[in-house]
PDB file of N, CA and C in Angstrom:
ATOM      1  N   MET A   1      -2.687   6.122 -40.405  1.00  0.00           N
ATOM      2  CA  MET A   1      -1.493   5.139 -41.373  1.00  0.00           C
ATOM      3  C   MET A   1      -1.958   3.767 -40.517  1.00  0.00           C
ATOM      4  N   LEU A   2      -2.311   3.860 -39.575  1.00  0.00           N
ATOM      5  CA  LEU A   2      -2.253   2.293 -38.632  1.00  0.00           C
ATOM      6  C   LEU A   2      -2.670   1.267 -38.751  1.00  0.00           C
ATOM      7  N   ASN A   3      -4.091   2.121 -38.960  1.00  0.00           N
ATOM      8  CA  ASN A   3      -5.625   0.691 -39.240  1.00  0.00           C
ATOM      9  C   ASN A   3      -4.964  -0.108 -40.345  1.00  0.00           C
ATOM     10  N   CYS A   4      -4.897  -1.628 -39.687  1.00  0.00           N
ATOM     11  CA  CYS A   4      -4.447  -2.469 -40.531  1.00  0.00           C
ATOM     12  C   CYS A   4      -3.505  -2.857 -40.633  1.00  0.00           C
ATOM     13  N   THR A   5      -2.507  -2.128 -41.043  1.00  0.00           N
ATOM     14  CA  THR A   5      -0.915  -2.450 -40.515  1.00  0.00           C
ATOM     15  C   THR A   5      -0.288  -2.695 -39.488  1.00  0.00           C
ATOM     16  N   SER A   6       0.761  -2.197 -39.608  1.00  0.00           N
ATOM     17  CA  SER A   6       1.824  -1.971 -38.393  1.00  0.00           C
ATOM     18  C   SER A   6       2.539  -1.185 -38.325  1.00  0.00           C
ATOM     19  N   ARG A   7       3.695  -0.090 -36.851  1.00  0.00           N
ATOM     20  CA  ARG A   7       3.870   0.652 -36.572  1.00  0.00           C
ATOM     21  C   ARG A   7       5.358   0.216 -37.795  1.00  0.00           C
ATOM     22  N   LYS A   8       5.692  -0.701 -37.870  1.00  0.00           N
ATOM     23  CA  LYS A   8       6.533  -1.125 -38.707  1.00  0.00           C
ATOM     24  C   LYS A   8       6.867  -0.421 -40.855  1.00  0.00           C
ATOM     25  N   GLN A   9       5.451  -0.770 -40.553  1.00  0.00           N
ATOM     26  CA  GLN A   9       5.819  -0.391 -42.297  1.00  0.00           C
ATOM     27  C   GLN A   9       5.126   0.967 -42.441  1.00  0.00           C
ATOM     28  N   VAL A  10       4.606   1.714 -40.887  1.00  0.00           N
ATOM     29  CA  VAL A  10       4.374   2.935 -41.280  1.00  0.00           C
ATOM     30  C   VAL A  10       4.799   3.664 -41.161  1.00  0.00           C
ATOM     31  N   ASP A  11       6.218   2.928 -39.804  1.00  0.00           N
ATOM     32  CA  ASP A  11       7.092   3.815 -40.594  1.00  0.00           C
ATOM     33  C   ASP A  11       8.637   3.807 -41.451  1.00  0.00           C
ATOM     34  N   LEU A  12       7.993   3.346 -41.527  1.00  0.00           N
ATOM     35  CA  LEU A  12       8.900   3.255 -44.111  1.00  0.00           C
ATOM     36  C   LEU A  12       7.960   4.419 -44.407  1.00  0.00           C
ATOM     37  N   VAL A  13       7.319   5.152 -44.800  1.00  0.00           N
ATOM     38  CA  VAL A  13       6.703   5.890 -45.608  1.00  0.00           C
ATOM     39  C   VAL A  13       5.980   7.421 -44.308  1.00  0.00           C
ATOM     40  N   ARG A  14       6.397   6.865 -43.330  1.00  0.00           N
ATOM     41  CA  ARG A  14       6.109   8.294 -42.485  1.00  0.00           C
ATOM     42  C   ARG A  14       6.644   9.898 -42.631  1.00  0.00           C
ATOM     43  N   ASP A  15       7.506   9.311 -42.837  1.00  0.00           N
ATOM     44  CA  ASP A  15       8.379  10.915 -42.447  1.00  0.00           C
ATOM     45  C   ASP A  15       8.483  11.596 -43.848  1.00  0.00           C
ATOM     46  N   ALA A  16       8.489  10.469 -45.644  1.00  0.00           N
ATOM     47  CA  ALA A  16       8.280  11.086 -46.690  1.00  0.00           C
ATOM     48  C   ALA A  16       6.796  11.799 -47.055  1.00  0.00           C
ATOM     49  N   PHE A  17       5.487  10.840 -46.509  1.00  0.00           N
ATOM     50  CA  PHE A  17       4.494  11.123 -46.296  1.00  0.00           C
ATOM     51  C   PHE A  17       4.204  13.415 -45.104  1.00  0.00           C
ATOM     52  N   PHE A  18       4.512  12.997 -43.995  1.00  0.00           N
ATOM     53  CA  PHE A  18       4.527  14.646 -43.218  1.00  0.00           C
ATOM     54  C   PHE A  18       5.165  15.811 -44.955  1.00  0.00           C
ATOM     55  N   LYS A  19       6.655  14.742 -44.821  1.00  0.00           N
ATOM     56  CA  LYS A  19       6.935  16.225 -45.486  1.00  0.00           C
ATOM     57  C   LYS A  19       7.156  16.480 -46.694  1.00  0.00           C
ATOM     58  N   LYS A  20       6.157  16.017 -47.216  1.00  0.00           N
ATOM     59  CA  LYS A  20       4.556  16.207 -48.753  1.00  0.00           C
ATOM     60  C   LYS A  20       3.303  17.069 -48.301  1.00  0.00           C
ATOM     61  N   TYR A  21       3.357  16.072 -47.051  1.00  0.00           N
ATOM     62  CA  TYR A  21       2.109  16.806 -46.590  1.00  0.00           C
ATOM     63  C   TYR A  21       1.896  17.445 -45.019  1.00  0.00           C
ATOM     64  N   GLN A  22       2.856  18.387 -45.280  1.00  0.00           N
ATOM     65  CA  GLN A  22       2.795  19.110 -44.393  1.00  0.00           C
ATOM     66  C   GLN A  22       1.700  20.081 -43.241  1.00  0.00           C
ATOM     67  N   SER A  23       0.444  19.752 -44.078  1.00  0.00           N
ATOM     68  CA  SER A  23      -0.781  20.443 -43.782  1.00  0.00           C
ATOM     69  C   SER A  23      -1.922  20.260 -43.457  1.00  0.00           C
ATOM     70  N   PRO A  24      -3.608  20.228 -43.177  1.00  0.00           N
ATOM     71  CA  PRO A  24      -4.837  18.936 -43.642  1.00  0.00           C
ATOM     72  C   PRO A  24      -4.885  20.392 -44.534  1.00  0.00           C
ATOM     73  N   GLU A  25      -4.574  21.390 -45.350  1.00  0.00           N
ATOM     74  CA  GLU A  25      -5.014  22.473 -46.500  1.00  0.00           C
ATOM     75  C   GLU A  25      -3.863  21.260 -47.236  1.00  0.00           C
ATOM     76  N   VAL A  26      -3.205  21.144 -47.103  1.00  0.00           N
ATOM     77  CA  VAL A  26      -2.039  20.197 -47.692  1.00  0.00           C
ATOM     78  C   VAL A  26      -2.247  18.842 -48.839  1.00  0.00           C
ATOM     79  N   ALA A  27      -2.768  17.862 -47.272  1.00  0.00           N
ATOM     80  CA  ALA A  27      -3.186  16.623 -47.708  1.00  0.00           C
ATOM     81  C   ALA A  27      -4.733  16.636 -48.192  1.00  0.00           C
ATOM     82  N   MET A  28      -6.251  17.707 -48.808  1.00  0.00           N
ATOM     83  CA  MET A  28      -7.319  17.731 -48.081  1.00  0.00           C
ATOM     84  C   MET A  28      -7.759  17.821 -50.168  1.00  0.00           C
ATOM     85  N   GLN A  29      -5.940  19.190 -50.318  1.00  0.00           N
ATOM     86  CA  GLN A  29      -6.264  19.270 -51.340  1.00  0.00           C
ATOM     87  C   GLN A  29      -5.090  18.857 -51.789  1.00  0.00           C
ATOM     88  N   SER A  30      -4.251  17.643 -52.348  1.00  0.00           N
ATOM     89  CA  SER A  30      -3.474  17.096 -53.046  1.00  0.00           C
ATOM     90  C   SER A  30      -4.347  16.077 -54.187  1.00  0.00           C
ATOM     91  N   ASN A  31      -3.213  15.634 -54.600  1.00  0.00           N
ATOM     92  CA  ASN A  31      -3.535  14.853 -55.741  1.00  0.00           C
ATOM     93  C   ASN A  31      -3.961  13.121 -55.348  1.00  0.00           C
ATOM     94  N   PRO A  32      -4.880  12.719 -55.455  1.00  0.00           N
ATOM     95  CA  PRO A  32      -5.041  11.561 -54.345  1.00  0.00           C
ATOM     96  C   PRO A  32      -4.203  10.497 -55.138  1.00  0.00           C
ATOM     97  N   THR A  33      -4.008  10.221 -56.385  1.00  0.00           N
ATOM     98  CA  THR A  33      -3.378   9.306 -56.801  1.00  0.00           C
ATOM     99  C   THR A  33      -1.460   9.117 -57.272  1.00  0.00           C
ATOM    100  N   GLU A  34      -0.892  10.648 -55.991  1.00  0.00           N
ATOM    101  CA  GLU A  34       0.163  10.453 -56.010  1.00  0.00           C
ATOM    102  C   GLU A  34      -0.016  10.129 -54.882  1.00  0.00           C
ATOM    103  N   MET A  35      -0.647  10.799 -53.507  1.00  0.00           N
ATOM    104  CA  MET A  35      -0.717  10.259 -51.823  1.00  0.00           C
ATOM    105  C   MET A  35      -0.663   8.963 -51.882  1.00  0.00           C
ATOM    106  N   ALA A  36      -1.711   8.163 -52.870  1.00  0.00           N
ATOM    107  CA  ALA A  36      -2.244   6.429 -52.694  1.00  0.00           C
ATOM    108  C   ALA A  36      -0.814   6.100 -53.145  1.00  0.00           C
ATOM    109  N   GLU A  37      -0.120   6.649 -54.454  1.00  0.00           N
ATOM    110  CA  GLU A  37       0.992   5.975 -54.306  1.00  0.00           C
ATOM    111  C   GLU A  37       1.987   6.045 -53.148  1.00  0.00           C
ATOM    112  N   LEU A  38       2.181   6.993 -53.005  1.00  0.00           N
ATOM    113  CA  LEU A  38       3.391   7.150 -51.623  1.00  0.00           C
ATOM    114  C   LEU A  38       2.797   6.056 -50.435  1.00  0.00           C
ATOM    115  N   ILE A  39       1.735   5.541 -49.958  1.00  0.00           N
ATOM    116  CA  ILE A  39       1.218   4.687 -48.886  1.00  0.00           C
ATOM    117  C   ILE A  39       0.943   3.870 -49.858  1.00  0.00           C
ATOM    118  N   SER A  40       1.026   3.546 -50.556  1.00  0.00           N
ATOM    119  CA  SER A  40       1.064   2.231 -51.304  1.00  0.00           C
ATOM    120  C   SER A  40       1.250   0.717 -50.790  1.00  0.00           C
ATOM    121  N   ILE A  41       3.035   0.741 -49.259  1.00  0.00           N
ATOM    122  CA  ILE A  41       2.959  -0.084 -48.893  1.00  0.00           C
ATOM    123  C   ILE A  41       2.790  -0.253 -47.758  1.00  0.00           C
ATOM    124  N   LEU A  42       1.389   0.273 -47.637  1.00  0.00           N
ATOM    125  CA  LEU A  42       0.940   0.093 -45.982  1.00  0.00           C
ATOM    126  C   LEU A  42      -0.614  -0.379 -46.115  1.00  0.00           C
ATOM    127  N   GLY A  43      -0.835  -0.908 -48.024  1.00  0.00           N
ATOM    128  CA  GLY A  43      -2.303  -1.285 -47.905  1.00  0.00           C
ATOM    129  C   GLY A  43      -3.723  -0.438 -48.674  1.00  0.00           C
ATOM    130  N   PHE A  44      -4.129  -0.964 -49.032  1.00  0.00           N
ATOM    131  CA  PHE A  44      -5.913  -0.466 -49.401  1.00  0.00           C
ATOM    132  C   PHE A  44      -5.543   1.350 -49.326  1.00  0.00           C
ATOM    133  N   LYS A  45      -4.249   0.996 -50.211  1.00  0.00           N
ATOM    134  CA  LYS A  45      -3.554   2.657 -50.784  1.00  0.00           C
ATOM    135  C   LYS A  45      -5.448   4.008 -51.780  1.00  0.00           C
ATOM    136  N   ASN A  46      -5.850   3.141 -51.581  1.00  0.00           N
ATOM    137  CA  ASN A  46      -6.937   4.200 -52.336  1.00  0.00           C
ATOM    138  C   ASN A  46      -8.124   4.238 -51.122  1.00  0.00           C
ATOM    139  N   ARG A  47      -8.734   3.488 -50.196  1.00  0.00           N
ATOM    140  CA  ARG A  47      -8.980   4.103 -48.479  1.00  0.00           C
ATOM    141  C   ARG A  47      -8.187   4.732 -48.028  1.00  0.00           C
ATOM    142  N   ARG A  48      -7.304   4.471 -47.897  1.00  0.00           N
ATOM    143  CA  ARG A  48      -6.370   5.154 -46.927  1.00  0.00           C
ATOM    144  C   ARG A  48      -6.181   6.737 -47.696  1.00  0.00           C
ATOM    145  N   THR A  49      -6.152   6.933 -48.780  1.00  0.00           N
ATOM    146  CA  THR A  49      -5.866   8.537 -49.406  1.00  0.00           C
ATOM    147  C   THR A  49      -7.340   8.716 -49.203  1.00  0.00           C
ATOM    148  N   ASN A  50      -8.247   8.088 -49.194  1.00  0.00           N
ATOM    149  CA  ASN A  50      -9.689   8.509 -49.078  1.00  0.00           C
ATOM    150  C   ASN A  50     -10.263   9.183 -47.542  1.00  0.00           C
ATOM    151  N   THR A  51      -9.498   8.602 -46.728  1.00  0.00           N
ATOM    152  CA  THR A  51      -9.592   8.354 -45.351  1.00  0.00           C
ATOM    153  C   THR A  51      -9.213  10.432 -44.622  1.00  0.00           C
ATOM    154  N   ILE A  52      -8.058  10.188 -45.465  1.00  0.00           N
ATOM    155  CA  ILE A  52      -6.780  11.133 -43.946  1.00  0.00           C
ATOM    156  C   ILE A  52      -7.074  12.561 -45.602  1.00  0.00           C
ATOM    157  N   GLN A  53      -8.188  12.683 -46.192  1.00  0.00           N
ATOM    158  CA  GLN A  53      -8.464  13.764 -47.438  1.00  0.00           C
ATOM    159  C   GLN A  53      -9.786  14.078 -46.252  1.00  0.00           C
ATOM    160  N   ARG A  54     -10.844  12.913 -46.030  1.00  0.00           N
ATOM    161  CA  ARG A  54     -11.993  12.911 -44.648  1.00  0.00           C
ATOM    162  C   ARG A  54     -11.581  14.207 -43.861  1.00  0.00           C
ATOM    163  N   PHE A  55     -10.835  13.056 -43.261  1.00  0.00           N
ATOM    164  CA  PHE A  55      -9.917  13.209 -42.283  1.00  0.00           C
ATOM    165  C   PHE A  55      -9.942  14.647 -41.729  1.00  0.00           C
ATOM    166  N   SER A  56      -8.769  15.404 -43.249  1.00  0.00           N
ATOM    167  CA  SER A  56      -8.159  16.828 -43.612  1.00  0.00           C
ATOM    168  C   SER A  56      -9.395  17.478 -42.944  1.00  0.00           C
ATOM    169  N   ASN A  57     -10.700  17.411 -44.197  1.00  0.00           N
ATOM    170  CA  ASN A  57     -10.858  17.800 -44.266  1.00  0.00           C
ATOM    171  C   ASN A  57     -12.564  18.739 -43.443  1.00  0.00           C
ATOM    172  N   ASP A  58     -12.642  17.235 -42.494  1.00  0.00           N
ATOM    173  CA  ASP A  58     -12.451  17.291 -41.159  1.00  0.00           C
ATOM    174  C   ASP A  58     -12.646  18.206 -39.872  1.00  0.00           C
ATOM    175  N   TRP A  59     -11.478  18.082 -39.571  1.00  0.00           N
ATOM    176  CA  TRP A  59      -9.993  18.757 -39.150  1.00  0.00           C
ATOM    177  C   TRP A  59     -10.639  20.296 -39.247  1.00  0.00           C
ATOM    178  N   LEU A  60     -10.619  20.841 -40.328  1.00  0.00           N
ATOM    179  CA  LEU A  60     -11.191  21.945 -40.460  1.00  0.00           C
ATOM    180  C   LEU A  60     -11.650  22.240 -40.712  1.00  0.00           C
ATOM    181  N   SER A  61     -12.766  21.888 -40.516  1.00  0.00           N
ATOM    182  CA  SER A  61     -14.297  22.320 -41.561  1.00  0.00           C
ATOM    183  C   SER A  61     -15.119  22.299 -40.296  1.00  0.00           C
ATOM    184  N   LEU A  62     -15.047  21.478 -39.468  1.00  0.00           N
ATOM    185  CA  LEU A  62     -15.874  20.633 -38.490  1.00  0.00           C
ATOM    186  C   LEU A  62     -15.910  21.518 -37.061  1.00  0.00           C
ATOM    187  N   SER A  63     -16.637  21.721 -36.145  1.00  0.00           N
ATOM    188  CA  SER A  63     -16.456  22.311 -35.357  1.00  0.00           C
ATOM    189  C   SER A  63     -16.286  21.447 -33.656  1.00  0.00           C
ATOM    190  N   TRP A  64     -15.716  20.731 -34.289  1.00  0.00           N
ATOM    191  CA  TRP A  64     -15.043  19.183 -32.980  1.00  0.00           C
ATOM    192  C   TRP A  64     -14.450  19.135 -31.362  1.00  0.00           C
ATOM    193  N   SER A  65     -14.942  18.558 -30.695  1.00  0.00           N
ATOM    194  CA  SER A  65     -14.425  17.793 -29.697  1.00  0.00           C
ATOM    195  C   SER A  65     -13.333  17.042 -29.194  1.00  0.00           C
ATOM    196  N   GLU A  66     -13.809  15.757 -30.172  1.00  0.00           N
ATOM    197  CA  GLU A  66     -12.740  14.933 -29.754  1.00  0.00           C
ATOM    198  C   GLU A  66     -12.543  14.415 -30.789  1.00  0.00           C
ATOM    199  N   PRO A  67     -11.695  13.152 -30.745  1.00  0.00           N
ATOM    200  CA  PRO A  67     -10.942  12.815 -31.666  1.00  0.00           C
ATOM    201  C   PRO A  67     -12.620  11.896 -32.701  1.00  0.00           C
ATOM    202  N   LYS A  68     -13.138  11.655 -32.050  1.00  0.00           N
ATOM    203  CA  LYS A  68     -13.966   9.860 -33.176  1.00  0.00           C
ATOM    204  C   LYS A  68     -15.037  11.004 -33.983  1.00  0.00           C
ATOM    205  N   GLU A  69     -15.417  12.444 -33.043  1.00  0.00           N
ATOM    206  CA  GLU A  69     -15.378  13.298 -34.275  1.00  0.00           C
ATOM    207  C   GLU A  69     -15.691  13.461 -35.590  1.00  0.00           C
ATOM    208  N   LEU A  70     -14.406  12.594 -35.895  1.00  0.00           N
ATOM    209  CA  LEU A  70     -14.137  13.524 -37.026  1.00  0.00           C
ATOM    210  C   LEU A  70     -13.911  11.704 -38.162  1.00  0.00           C
ATOM    211  N   TYR A  71     -13.568  12.473 -39.398  1.00  0.00           N
ATOM    212  CA  TYR A  71     -13.422  11.299 -40.118  1.00  0.00           C
ATOM    213  C   TYR A  71     -13.017   9.607 -40.049  1.00  0.00           C
ATOM    214  N   GLY A  72     -13.012   8.840 -39.825  1.00  0.00           N
ATOM    215  CA  GLY A  72     -11.919   7.407 -40.041  1.00  0.00           C
ATOM    216  C   GLY A  72     -11.477   7.375 -38.490  1.00  0.00           C
ATOM    217  N   ILE A  73     -11.336   7.666 -38.033  1.00  0.00           N
ATOM    218  CA  ILE A  73     -10.955   8.082 -36.192  1.00  0.00           C
ATOM    219  C   ILE A  73     -11.534   6.755 -35.246  1.00  0.00           C
ATOM    220  N   GLY A  74     -11.018   5.863 -34.309  1.00  0.00           N
ATOM    221  CA  GLY A  74     -11.409   4.867 -33.820  1.00  0.00           C
ATOM    222  C   GLY A  74     -11.179   4.890 -33.270  1.00  0.00           C
ATOM    223  N   LYS A  75     -10.796   3.791 -31.921  1.00  0.00           N
ATOM    224  CA  LYS A  75     -11.021   3.942 -30.716  1.00  0.00           C
ATOM    225  C   LYS A  75      -8.672   4.193 -31.114  1.00  0.00           C
ATOM    226  N   TYR A  76      -8.081   3.198 -30.812  1.00  0.00           N
ATOM    227  CA  TYR A  76      -7.319   3.476 -31.120  1.00  0.00           C
ATOM    228  C   TYR A  76      -6.217   5.045 -30.288  1.00  0.00           C
ATOM    229  N   ALA A  77      -7.344   5.010 -31.406  1.00  0.00           N
ATOM    230  CA  ALA A  77      -6.450   7.801 -31.449  1.00  0.00           C
ATOM    231  C   ALA A  77      -7.416   7.892 -30.420  1.00  0.00           C
ATOM    232  N   GLN A  78      -8.305   7.693 -30.074  1.00  0.00           N
ATOM    233  CA  GLN A  78      -9.826   7.993 -29.368  1.00  0.00           C
ATOM    234  C   GLN A  78      -8.967   7.617 -27.687  1.00  0.00           C
ATOM    235  N   ASP A  79      -8.719   6.211 -27.685  1.00  0.00           N
ATOM    236  CA  ASP A  79      -7.813   6.989 -26.439  1.00  0.00           C
ATOM    237  C   ASP A  79      -6.376   7.047 -26.187  1.00  0.00           C
ATOM    238  N   SER A  80      -6.050   7.056 -27.734  1.00  0.00           N
ATOM    239  CA  SER A  80      -4.482   8.004 -27.579  1.00  0.00           C
ATOM    240  C   SER A  80      -5.068   9.571 -27.167  1.00  0.00           C
ATOM    241  N   TRP A  81      -5.595   9.970 -27.383  1.00  0.00           N
ATOM    242  CA  TRP A  81      -6.381  11.830 -27.267  1.00  0.00           C
ATOM    243  C   TRP A  81      -6.537  11.252 -25.595  1.00  0.00           C
ATOM    244  N   ASP A  82      -7.395  10.382 -25.500  1.00  0.00           N
ATOM    245  CA  ASP A  82      -7.527  10.220 -23.932  1.00  0.00           C
ATOM    246  C   ASP A  82      -7.099  10.361 -22.383  1.00  0.00           C
ATOM    247  N   ILE A  83      -6.052   9.725 -22.772  1.00  0.00           N
ATOM    248  CA  ILE A  83      -4.498   9.341 -22.639  1.00  0.00           C
ATOM    249  C   ILE A  83      -3.356  10.467 -22.107  1.00  0.00           C
ATOM    250  N   PHE A  84      -3.420  10.586 -23.140  1.00  0.00           N
ATOM    251  CA  PHE A  84      -2.057  11.355 -23.891  1.00  0.00           C
ATOM    252  C   PHE A  84      -2.443  13.166 -23.459  1.00  0.00           C
ATOM    253  N   TYR A  85      -3.977  13.462 -23.545  1.00  0.00           N
ATOM    254  CA  TYR A  85      -3.952  14.750 -24.329  1.00  0.00           C
ATOM    255  C   TYR A  85      -4.761  15.030 -23.239  1.00  0.00           C
ATOM    256  N   LYS A  86      -5.474  14.169 -22.153  1.00  0.00           N
ATOM    257  CA  LYS A  86      -6.641  14.605 -20.996  1.00  0.00           C
ATOM    258  C   LYS A  86      -5.611  14.223 -19.884  1.00  0.00           C
ATOM    259  N   GLY A  87      -4.598  12.817 -19.932  1.00  0.00           N
ATOM    260  CA  GLY A  87      -4.219  12.429 -18.898  1.00  0.00           C
ATOM    261  C   GLY A  87      -5.510  11.595 -18.358  1.00  0.00           C
ATOM    262  N   ASP A  88      -5.890  10.654 -18.597  1.00  0.00           N
ATOM    263  CA  ASP A  88      -7.641   9.875 -17.919  1.00  0.00           C
ATOM    264  C   ASP A  88      -6.337   8.900 -18.236  1.00  0.00           C
ATOM    265  N   LEU A  89      -5.834   8.396 -17.539  1.00  0.00           N
ATOM    266  CA  LEU A  89      -5.252   6.926 -16.992  1.00  0.00           C
ATOM    267  C   LEU A  89      -6.581   5.960 -16.811  1.00  0.00           C
ATOM    268  N   SER A  90      -7.915   6.389 -16.112  1.00  0.00           N
ATOM    269  CA  SER A  90      -8.988   5.449 -16.600  1.00  0.00           C
ATOM    270  C   SER A  90      -9.279   4.326 -17.643  1.00  0.00           C
ATOM    271  N   ILE A  91      -8.905   4.688 -19.354  1.00  0.00           N
ATOM    272  CA  ILE A  91      -8.794   4.337 -20.123  1.00  0.00           C
ATOM    273  C   ILE A  91      -8.336   3.277 -19.783  1.00  0.00           C
ATOM    274  N   GLU A  92      -9.374   1.337 -20.383  1.00  0.00           N
ATOM    275  CA  GLU A  92      -8.996   0.683 -20.519  1.00  0.00           C
ATOM    276  C   GLU A  92      -8.723   0.062 -22.737  1.00  0.00           C
ATOM    277  N   PRO A  93      -7.877   0.281 -23.533  1.00  0.00           N
ATOM    278  CA  PRO A  93      -7.891   0.430 -24.496  1.00  0.00           C
ATOM    279  C   PRO A  93      -7.804  -0.965 -24.934  1.00  0.00           C
ATOM    280  N   LYS A  94      -8.676  -2.199 -25.647  1.00  0.00           N
ATOM    281  CA  LYS A  94      -7.361  -3.133 -26.097  1.00  0.00           C
ATOM    282  C   LYS A  94      -7.116  -3.126 -27.439  1.00  0.00           C
ATOM    283  N   ASP A  95      -5.919  -1.602 -27.102  1.00  0.00           N
ATOM    284  CA  ASP A  95      -4.310  -1.578 -28.022  1.00  0.00           C
ATOM    285  C   ASP A  95      -3.733  -2.334 -26.209  1.00  0.00           C
ATOM    286  N   GLY A  96      -2.935  -3.447 -27.240  1.00  0.00           N
ATOM    287  CA  GLY A  96      -1.149  -3.991 -26.523  1.00  0.00           C
ATOM    288  C   GLY A  96      -0.453  -3.280 -25.557  1.00  0.00           C
ATOM    289  N   VAL A  97       0.065  -2.427 -26.423  1.00  0.00           N
ATOM    290  CA  VAL A  97       1.022  -1.606 -26.195  1.00  0.00           C
ATOM    291  C   VAL A  97       0.357   0.234 -25.703  1.00  0.00           C
ATOM    292  N   LEU A  98      -0.607   0.331 -25.688  1.00  0.00           N
ATOM    293  CA  LEU A  98      -1.843   1.101 -24.573  1.00  0.00           C
ATOM    294  C   LEU A  98      -1.586   0.571 -23.289  1.00  0.00           C
ATOM    295  N   GLY A  99      -2.588  -0.048 -23.746  1.00  0.00           N
ATOM    296  CA  GLY A  99      -2.550  -1.579 -21.817  1.00  0.00           C
ATOM    297  C   GLY A  99      -1.180  -1.348 -21.720  1.00  0.00           C
ATOM    298  N   LYS A 100      -0.082  -2.062 -22.172  1.00  0.00           N
ATOM    299  CA  LYS A 100       1.605  -1.271 -21.645  1.00  0.00           C
ATOM    300  C   LYS A 100       2.062  -0.315 -20.404  1.00  0.00           C
ATOM    301  N   TYR A 101       1.909   0.818 -21.498  1.00  0.00           N
ATOM    302  CA  TYR A 101       1.792   1.905 -20.778  1.00  0.00           C
ATOM    303  C   TYR A 101       0.972   2.360 -19.904  1.00  0.00           C
ATOM    304  N   LEU A 102      -0.127   2.050 -20.340  1.00  0.00           N
ATOM    305  CA  LEU A 102      -0.610   2.328 -18.994  1.00  0.00           C
ATOM    306  C   LEU A 102      -0.670   1.194 -18.165  1.00  0.00           C
ATOM    307  N   ALA A 103      -0.485   0.100 -17.924  1.00  0.00           N
ATOM    308  CA  ALA A 103       0.249  -0.182 -16.672  1.00  0.00           C
ATOM    309  C   ALA A 103       1.406   0.154 -16.297  1.00  0.00           C
ATOM    310  N   TRP A 104       2.404   1.066 -17.387  1.00  0.00           N
ATOM    311  CA  TRP A 104       3.228   1.395 -16.085  1.00  0.00           C
ATOM    312  C   TRP A 104       2.765   2.763 -15.740  1.00  0.00           C
ATOM    313  N   ALA A 105       1.979   3.805 -16.491  1.00  0.00           N
ATOM    314  CA  ALA A 105       2.008   5.070 -15.854  1.00  0.00           C
ATOM    315  C   ALA A 105       0.848   4.349 -14.966  1.00  0.00           C
ATOM    316  N   ARG A 106       0.231   4.041 -14.073  1.00  0.00           N
ATOM    317  CA  ARG A 106      -0.205   3.478 -13.167  1.00  0.00           C
ATOM    318  C   ARG A 106       0.079   3.709 -11.943  1.00  0.00           C
ATOM    319  N   THR A 107       1.813   2.999 -11.908  1.00  0.00           N
ATOM    320  CA  THR A 107       2.366   2.798 -10.404  1.00  0.00           C
ATOM    321  C   THR A 107       3.721   3.895 -10.668  1.00  0.00           C
ATOM    322  N   GLN A 108       3.806   5.332 -11.619  1.00  0.00           N
ATOM    323  CA  GLN A 108       4.041   5.994 -11.142  1.00  0.00           C
ATOM    324  C   GLN A 108       4.260   6.940 -10.178  1.00  0.00           C
ATOM    325  N   PRO A 109       4.526   7.503  -9.316  1.00  0.00           N
ATOM    326  CA  PRO A 109       4.133   8.575  -7.847  1.00  0.00           C
ATOM    327  C   PRO A 109       3.559   9.920  -8.982  1.00  0.00           C
ATOM    328  N   GLU A 110       3.914  10.857  -9.957  1.00  0.00           N
ATOM    329  CA  GLU A 110       3.472  11.172 -10.414  1.00  0.00           C
ATOM    330  C   GLU A 110       3.331  10.864 -11.895  1.00  0.00           C
ATOM    331  N   ASN A 111       2.296  11.294 -11.916  1.00  0.00           N
ATOM    332  CA  ASN A 111       1.077  10.387 -13.214  1.00  0.00           C
ATOM    333  C   ASN A 111       2.589  11.664 -14.389  1.00  0.00           C
ATOM    334  N   PRO A 112       3.239  10.586 -15.306  1.00  0.00           N
ATOM    335  CA  PRO A 112       3.910  11.052 -16.154  1.00  0.00           C
ATOM    336  C   PRO A 112       2.786  11.841 -17.311  1.00  0.00           C
ATOM    337  N   VAL A 113       1.906  11.628 -17.796  1.00  0.00           N
ATOM    338  CA  VAL A 113       1.462  12.884 -18.579  1.00  0.00           C
ATOM    339  C   VAL A 113       0.795  13.736 -19.219  1.00  0.00           C
ATOM    340  N   LYS A 114       0.689  14.020 -17.738  1.00  0.00           N
ATOM    341  CA  LYS A 114       0.273  15.713 -17.579  1.00  0.00           C
ATOM    342  C   LYS A 114       1.954  16.282 -17.304  1.00  0.00           C
TER     343      LYS A 114
END
């Protein structure tokens, strides 16, 4: 949902979205028009809906090991996975917030990620 929009915009729809689409199965099989209307405030509502539904299908049907293998996943999501799931603090993200987090995390005596 964060592609080409701000976290503040996503905050306006995130809770309602996950209340309605509680699993990838539900998201994948949902009515695309209804989903598009729910996330319309983010812009690109039809493209986002298509991405969410294709991503949900990939999540369920592919044998994936890295998020970048899934439809719609870019550098930000992959970097976040590497940092927070794998605990890799050597990542050099383009995202400013991830960069600030890493600058802080690298100063900590114990890795705060793991």
